[in-house]
Amino acid sequence: VQLQASGGGLVQAGDSLRLSCAASKRTVSNNGMAWFRQAPGKERELVAAISWNGSSTFAANSVQGRFTISRDNTRSTVYLQMNRLKPEDTAVYYCAVARGSWYSGDRSFYNYWGQGTQVTVSS
């Protein structure tokens, strides 16, 4: 499975961005998916995750109320809507496919990763 992430860019604090991650195989509709991010000098962290059918989602405390994850299984695509962006959201954002139908905060639970898309938020 190949994942193509897009939608990153340079924005100002308070702006919005929507990230997209398209999978090369429709079989990912049976898998949980997630967005992670990694800032310079920091570990990769889970930002948001979604179950295979979208019935369950997770958002990290730092982004709750601002970021929303969703998916369209007809397009094999997962989205991350990011509102009210802050400078501390600056990072490379990675999408990932889980080994099962749900999700986890453990990176080893994910076996396919996108190439990453840079999000930079200026103050």
N, C-alpha and C. Protein backbone atom coordinates (compact mmCIF):
# COMPACT_ATOMS: atom_id res chain seq x y z
N VAL A 1 0.85 -1.20 0.00
CA VAL A 1 0.00 0.00 0.00
C VAL A 1 0.88 1.24 0.00
N GLN A 2 0.58 2.14 -0.90
CA GLN A 2 1.28 3.42 -0.91
C GLN A 2 0.32 4.52 -0.49
N LEU A 3 0.85 5.45 0.30
CA LEU A 3 0.04 6.54 0.81
C LEU A 3 0.61 7.86 0.31
N GLN A 4 -0.25 8.69 -0.23
CA GLN A 4 0.16 9.99 -0.76
C GLN A 4 -0.51 11.08 0.06
N ALA A 5 0.30 11.77 0.85
CA ALA A 5 -0.22 12.86 1.69
C ALA A 5 -0.05 14.19 0.97
N SER A 6 -1.00 15.06 1.17
CA SER A 6 -0.93 16.39 0.56
C SER A 6 -1.70 17.38 1.41
N GLY A 7 -1.53 18.67 1.08
CA GLY A 7 -2.30 19.71 1.75
C GLY A 7 -1.53 20.57 2.73
N GLY A 8 -0.28 20.21 2.99
CA GLY A 8 0.51 21.02 3.91
C GLY A 8 0.89 22.36 3.30
N GLY A 9 1.49 23.21 4.12
CA GLY A 9 1.91 24.51 3.62
C GLY A 9 2.30 25.44 4.74
N LEU A 10 2.55 26.68 4.35
CA LEU A 10 2.92 27.75 5.30
C LEU A 10 1.70 28.64 5.51
N VAL A 11 1.26 28.73 6.76
CA VAL A 11 0.09 29.55 7.08
C VAL A 11 0.39 30.38 8.33
N GLN A 12 -0.51 31.29 8.61
CA GLN A 12 -0.38 32.11 9.81
C GLN A 12 -1.21 31.52 10.94
N ALA A 13 -0.84 31.86 12.14
CA ALA A 13 -1.60 31.41 13.31
C ALA A 13 -3.07 31.81 13.15
N GLY A 14 -3.95 30.86 13.47
CA GLY A 14 -5.37 31.10 13.34
C GLY A 14 -5.98 30.62 12.04
N ASP A 15 -5.12 30.32 11.07
CA ASP A 15 -5.60 29.84 9.77
C ASP A 15 -5.99 28.36 9.85
N SER A 16 -6.51 27.87 8.73
CA SER A 16 -6.92 26.47 8.62
C SER A 16 -6.21 25.79 7.45
N LEU A 17 -6.06 24.48 7.57
CA LEU A 17 -5.55 23.65 6.49
C LEU A 17 -6.29 22.33 6.54
N ARG A 18 -6.40 21.69 5.37
CA ARG A 18 -6.94 20.34 5.34
C ARG A 18 -5.92 19.43 4.67
N LEU A 19 -5.48 18.43 5.40
CA LEU A 19 -4.58 17.43 4.85
C LEU A 19 -5.37 16.27 4.29
N SER A 20 -4.86 15.69 3.23
CA SER A 20 -5.46 14.51 2.62
C SER A 20 -4.41 13.42 2.50
N CYS A 21 -4.86 12.20 2.58
CA CYS A 21 -3.97 11.06 2.42
C CYS A 21 -4.71 10.01 1.62
N ALA A 22 -4.26 9.80 0.40
CA ALA A 22 -4.90 8.84 -0.49
C ALA A 22 -4.10 7.55 -0.52
N ALA A 23 -4.80 6.44 -0.37
CA ALA A 23 -4.16 5.13 -0.40
C ALA A 23 -4.28 4.52 -1.78
N SER A 24 -3.29 3.71 -2.13
CA SER A 24 -3.26 3.11 -3.47
C SER A 24 -4.17 1.90 -3.58
N LYS A 25 -4.60 1.35 -2.44
CA LYS A 25 -5.46 0.17 -2.47
C LYS A 25 -6.72 0.40 -1.66
N ARG A 26 -7.84 -0.05 -2.19
CA ARG A 26 -9.11 0.17 -1.50
C ARG A 26 -9.27 -0.73 -0.29
N THR A 27 -8.36 -1.69 -0.14
CA THR A 27 -8.46 -2.59 1.01
C THR A 27 -8.24 -1.86 2.33
N VAL A 28 -7.68 -0.64 2.27
CA VAL A 28 -7.49 0.11 3.51
C VAL A 28 -8.81 0.49 4.15
N SER A 29 -9.91 0.33 3.42
CA SER A 29 -11.22 0.62 4.00
C SER A 29 -11.52 -0.31 5.17
N ASN A 30 -10.77 -1.38 5.31
CA ASN A 30 -10.96 -2.31 6.42
C ASN A 30 -10.02 -2.01 7.60
N ASN A 31 -9.22 -0.96 7.48
CA ASN A 31 -8.19 -0.66 8.46
C ASN A 31 -8.40 0.68 9.14
N GLY A 32 -7.99 0.74 10.40
CA GLY A 32 -7.91 2.04 11.04
C GLY A 32 -6.82 2.87 10.37
N MET A 33 -6.96 4.19 10.50
CA MET A 33 -5.95 5.08 9.94
C MET A 33 -5.68 6.21 10.93
N ALA A 34 -4.55 6.86 10.75
CA ALA A 34 -4.17 7.88 11.72
C ALA A 34 -3.27 8.93 11.07
N TRP A 35 -3.20 10.05 11.74
CA TRP A 35 -2.23 11.10 11.43
C TRP A 35 -1.29 11.24 12.63
N PHE A 36 0.00 11.22 12.34
CA PHE A 36 1.04 11.51 13.32
C PHE A 36 1.73 12.79 12.87
N ARG A 37 2.50 13.36 13.78
CA ARG A 37 3.34 14.49 13.40
C ARG A 37 4.66 14.41 14.15
N GLN A 38 5.66 15.02 13.53
CA GLN A 38 6.98 15.05 14.14
C GLN A 38 7.59 16.42 13.93
N ALA A 39 7.85 17.08 15.05
CA ALA A 39 8.51 18.38 15.02
C ALA A 39 10.02 18.16 15.17
N PRO A 40 10.83 19.11 14.72
CA PRO A 40 12.29 18.95 14.83
C PRO A 40 12.73 18.67 16.26
N GLY A 41 13.51 17.63 16.42
CA GLY A 41 14.04 17.30 17.73
C GLY A 41 13.08 16.60 18.66
N LYS A 42 11.90 16.27 18.15
CA LYS A 42 10.90 15.62 18.98
C LYS A 42 10.51 14.26 18.38
N GLU A 43 9.90 13.43 19.22
CA GLU A 43 9.43 12.14 18.75
C GLU A 43 8.13 12.30 17.95
N ARG A 44 7.92 11.33 17.08
CA ARG A 44 6.67 11.31 16.32
C ARG A 44 5.52 11.01 17.27
N GLU A 45 4.46 11.81 17.19
CA GLU A 45 3.34 11.65 18.10
C GLU A 45 2.03 11.50 17.34
N LEU A 46 1.12 10.77 17.97
CA LEU A 46 -0.21 10.58 17.38
C LEU A 46 -1.02 11.87 17.53
N VAL A 47 -1.59 12.31 16.43
CA VAL A 47 -2.42 13.51 16.44
C VAL A 47 -3.90 13.13 16.45
N ALA A 48 -4.29 12.25 15.55
CA ALA A 48 -5.68 11.85 15.45
C ALA A 48 -5.75 10.49 14.76
N ALA A 49 -6.82 9.75 15.05
CA ALA A 49 -6.99 8.42 14.47
C ALA A 49 -8.47 8.14 14.27
N ILE A 50 -8.74 7.17 13.39
CA ILE A 50 -10.12 6.86 13.05
C ILE A 50 -10.23 5.37 12.77
N SER A 51 -11.33 4.79 13.20
CA SER A 51 -11.55 3.37 12.96
C SER A 51 -11.91 3.12 11.50
N TRP A 52 -12.00 1.85 11.14
CA TRP A 52 -12.17 1.48 9.74
C TRP A 52 -13.42 2.08 9.12
N ASN A 53 -14.49 2.21 9.90
CA ASN A 53 -15.76 2.71 9.35
C ASN A 53 -16.08 4.13 9.83
N GLY A 54 -15.15 4.73 10.55
CA GLY A 54 -15.37 6.09 11.01
C GLY A 54 -16.23 6.21 12.26
N SER A 55 -16.61 5.08 12.85
CA SER A 55 -17.50 5.13 14.00
C SER A 55 -16.80 5.59 15.28
N SER A 56 -15.49 5.50 15.29
CA SER A 56 -14.71 5.90 16.45
C SER A 56 -13.53 6.74 16.00
N THR A 57 -13.32 7.85 16.71
CA THR A 57 -12.18 8.71 16.40
C THR A 57 -11.47 9.09 17.69
N PHE A 58 -10.25 9.53 17.51
CA PHE A 58 -9.41 10.00 18.63
C PHE A 58 -8.70 11.26 18.20
N ALA A 59 -8.56 12.18 19.14
CA ALA A 59 -7.76 13.37 18.90
C ALA A 59 -6.92 13.63 20.14
N ALA A 60 -5.66 13.94 19.94
CA ALA A 60 -4.78 14.23 21.07
C ALA A 60 -5.28 15.46 21.81
N ASN A 61 -4.96 15.52 23.08
CA ASN A 61 -5.41 16.66 23.90
C ASN A 61 -5.00 18.00 23.30
N SER A 62 -3.81 18.03 22.72
CA SER A 62 -3.28 19.28 22.19
C SER A 62 -4.05 19.81 20.98
N VAL A 63 -4.85 18.94 20.35
CA VAL A 63 -5.56 19.39 19.14
C VAL A 63 -7.08 19.24 19.27
N GLN A 64 -7.54 18.73 20.39
CA GLN A 64 -8.98 18.55 20.57
C GLN A 64 -9.71 19.87 20.41
N GLY A 65 -10.82 19.81 19.68
CA GLY A 65 -11.60 21.01 19.44
C GLY A 65 -11.10 21.85 18.27
N ARG A 66 -9.93 21.50 17.74
CA ARG A 66 -9.37 22.25 16.60
C ARG A 66 -9.19 21.36 15.36
N PHE A 67 -8.79 20.12 15.57
CA PHE A 67 -8.53 19.19 14.47
C PHE A 67 -9.62 18.13 14.41
N THR A 68 -9.99 17.75 13.20
CA THR A 68 -10.99 16.70 13.00
C THR A 68 -10.50 15.72 11.94
N ILE A 69 -10.54 14.45 12.28
CA ILE A 69 -10.16 13.42 11.31
C ILE A 69 -11.43 12.83 10.71
N SER A 70 -11.36 12.52 9.44
CA SER A 70 -12.49 11.87 8.76
C SER A 70 -11.94 11.00 7.65
N ARG A 71 -12.81 10.20 7.06
CA ARG A 71 -12.36 9.34 5.97
C ARG A 71 -13.48 9.15 4.98
N ASP A 72 -13.08 8.87 3.75
CA ASP A 72 -14.02 8.54 2.68
C ASP A 72 -13.52 7.23 2.08
N ASN A 73 -14.15 6.15 2.46
CA ASN A 73 -13.70 4.84 2.00
C ASN A 73 -13.96 4.63 0.51
N THR A 74 -14.87 5.37 -0.06
CA THR A 74 -15.08 5.25 -1.51
C THR A 74 -13.89 5.81 -2.29
N ARG A 75 -13.14 6.69 -1.63
CA ARG A 75 -11.95 7.28 -2.25
C ARG A 75 -10.66 6.78 -1.62
N SER A 76 -10.77 5.87 -0.64
CA SER A 76 -9.60 5.35 0.07
C SER A 76 -8.75 6.50 0.61
N THR A 77 -9.41 7.48 1.17
CA THR A 77 -8.72 8.70 1.59
C THR A 77 -9.12 9.07 3.03
N VAL A 78 -8.13 9.52 3.78
CA VAL A 78 -8.37 10.04 5.12
C VAL A 78 -7.97 11.52 5.13
N TYR A 79 -8.70 12.29 5.90
CA TYR A 79 -8.50 13.74 5.95
C TYR A 79 -8.19 14.19 7.38
N LEU A 80 -7.52 15.31 7.47
CA LEU A 80 -7.31 15.96 8.76
C LEU A 80 -7.60 17.43 8.56
N GLN A 81 -8.74 17.86 9.08
CA GLN A 81 -9.11 19.27 9.04
C GLN A 81 -8.49 19.95 10.26
N MET A 82 -7.68 20.94 10.00
CA MET A 82 -6.96 21.63 11.08
C MET A 82 -7.39 23.09 11.11
N ASN A 83 -8.04 23.47 12.19
CA ASN A 83 -8.51 24.84 12.36
C ASN A 83 -7.76 25.53 13.50
N ARG A 84 -7.78 26.85 13.49
CA ARG A 84 -7.15 27.66 14.55
C ARG A 84 -5.73 27.16 14.80
N LEU A 85 -4.97 27.07 13.74
CA LEU A 85 -3.61 26.56 13.85
C LEU A 85 -2.75 27.45 14.73
N LYS A 86 -1.81 26.81 15.42
CA LYS A 86 -0.89 27.50 16.33
C LYS A 86 0.55 27.22 15.88
N PRO A 87 1.48 28.08 16.23
CA PRO A 87 2.89 27.82 15.87
C PRO A 87 3.38 26.45 16.37
N GLU A 88 2.88 26.00 17.49
CA GLU A 88 3.31 24.70 18.03
C GLU A 88 2.76 23.52 17.23
N ASP A 89 1.90 23.78 16.26
CA ASP A 89 1.44 22.71 15.36
C ASP A 89 2.43 22.48 14.22
N THR A 90 3.45 23.30 14.13
CA THR A 90 4.45 23.15 13.08
C THR A 90 5.16 21.81 13.19
N ALA A 91 5.11 21.04 12.11
CA ALA A 91 5.69 19.70 12.11
C ALA A 91 5.52 19.09 10.72
N VAL A 92 6.16 17.95 10.53
CA VAL A 92 5.85 17.12 9.36
C VAL A 92 4.73 16.17 9.78
N TYR A 93 3.69 16.13 9.00
CA TYR A 93 2.52 15.30 9.30
C TYR A 93 2.54 14.05 8.42
N TYR A 94 2.36 12.90 9.07
CA TYR A 94 2.39 11.61 8.39
C TYR A 94 1.05 10.90 8.56
N CYS A 95 0.55 10.31 7.48
CA CYS A 95 -0.60 9.44 7.62
C CYS A 95 -0.11 8.00 7.70
N ALA A 96 -0.92 7.17 8.31
CA ALA A 96 -0.53 5.79 8.52
C ALA A 96 -1.74 4.87 8.51
N VAL A 97 -1.51 3.64 8.09
CA VAL A 97 -2.55 2.61 8.06
C VAL A 97 -2.29 1.61 9.16
N ALA A 98 -3.30 1.34 9.96
CA ALA A 98 -3.17 0.40 11.07
C ALA A 98 -3.20 -1.05 10.58
N ARG A 99 -2.67 -1.93 11.43
CA ARG A 99 -2.66 -3.36 11.09
C ARG A 99 -4.05 -3.96 11.21
N GLY A 100 -4.92 -3.35 12.00
CA GLY A 100 -6.26 -3.86 12.20
C GLY A 100 -7.31 -2.82 11.91
N SER A 101 -8.52 -3.10 12.36
CA SER A 101 -9.66 -2.24 12.05
C SER A 101 -9.76 -1.00 12.93
N TRP A 102 -9.00 -1.00 14.02
CA TRP A 102 -9.10 0.12 14.95
C TRP A 102 -7.81 0.90 14.95
N TYR A 103 -7.44 1.52 16.05
CA TYR A 103 -6.25 2.34 16.07
C TYR A 103 -5.58 2.24 17.43
N SER A 104 -4.38 2.79 17.48
CA SER A 104 -3.58 2.74 18.69
C SER A 104 -2.63 3.91 18.69
N GLY A 105 -2.15 4.26 19.87
CA GLY A 105 -1.13 5.29 19.98
C GLY A 105 0.26 4.75 19.75
N ASP A 106 0.37 3.43 19.64
CA ASP A 106 1.66 2.77 19.46
C ASP A 106 2.03 2.79 17.98
N ARG A 107 3.14 3.39 17.62
CA ARG A 107 3.53 3.48 16.21
C ARG A 107 3.71 2.11 15.56
N SER A 108 4.07 1.11 16.35
CA SER A 108 4.29 -0.22 15.78
C SER A 108 2.99 -0.87 15.33
N PHE A 109 1.86 -0.30 15.70
CA PHE A 109 0.55 -0.81 15.29
C PHE A 109 0.25 -0.46 13.83
N TYR A 110 1.07 0.40 13.26
CA TYR A 110 0.85 0.88 11.89
C TYR A 110 1.92 0.32 10.97
N ASN A 111 1.49 -0.24 9.86
CA ASN A 111 2.47 -0.89 8.99
C ASN A 111 2.68 -0.19 7.66
N TYR A 112 1.93 0.84 7.36
CA TYR A 112 2.16 1.62 6.16
C TYR A 112 2.15 3.10 6.53
N TRP A 113 3.10 3.82 5.95
CA TRP A 113 3.27 5.24 6.26
C TRP A 113 3.39 6.06 4.98
N GLY A 114 2.81 7.25 5.00
CA GLY A 114 2.99 8.17 3.90
C GLY A 114 4.33 8.87 4.02
N GLN A 115 4.62 9.70 3.02
CA GLN A 115 5.94 10.34 2.95
C GLN A 115 6.03 11.58 3.82
N GLY A 116 4.90 12.07 4.31
CA GLY A 116 4.91 13.26 5.16
C GLY A 116 4.65 14.52 4.37
N THR A 117 3.97 15.44 5.01
CA THR A 117 3.72 16.76 4.42
C THR A 117 4.00 17.82 5.48
N GLN A 118 4.73 18.85 5.10
CA GLN A 118 5.18 19.87 6.05
C GLN A 118 4.07 20.88 6.31
N VAL A 119 3.83 21.12 7.58
CA VAL A 119 2.93 22.19 8.01
C VAL A 119 3.74 23.17 8.84
N THR A 120 3.74 24.43 8.42
CA THR A 120 4.47 25.46 9.14
C THR A 120 3.50 26.58 9.48
N VAL A 121 3.42 26.91 10.76
CA VAL A 121 2.50 27.95 11.22
C VAL A 121 3.33 29.09 11.79
N SER A 122 3.20 30.25 11.19
CA SER A 122 3.95 31.42 11.67
C SER A 122 3.10 32.21 12.65
N SER A 123 3.77 32.87 13.57
CA SER A 123 3.06 33.64 14.61
C SER A 123 2.79 35.06 14.15
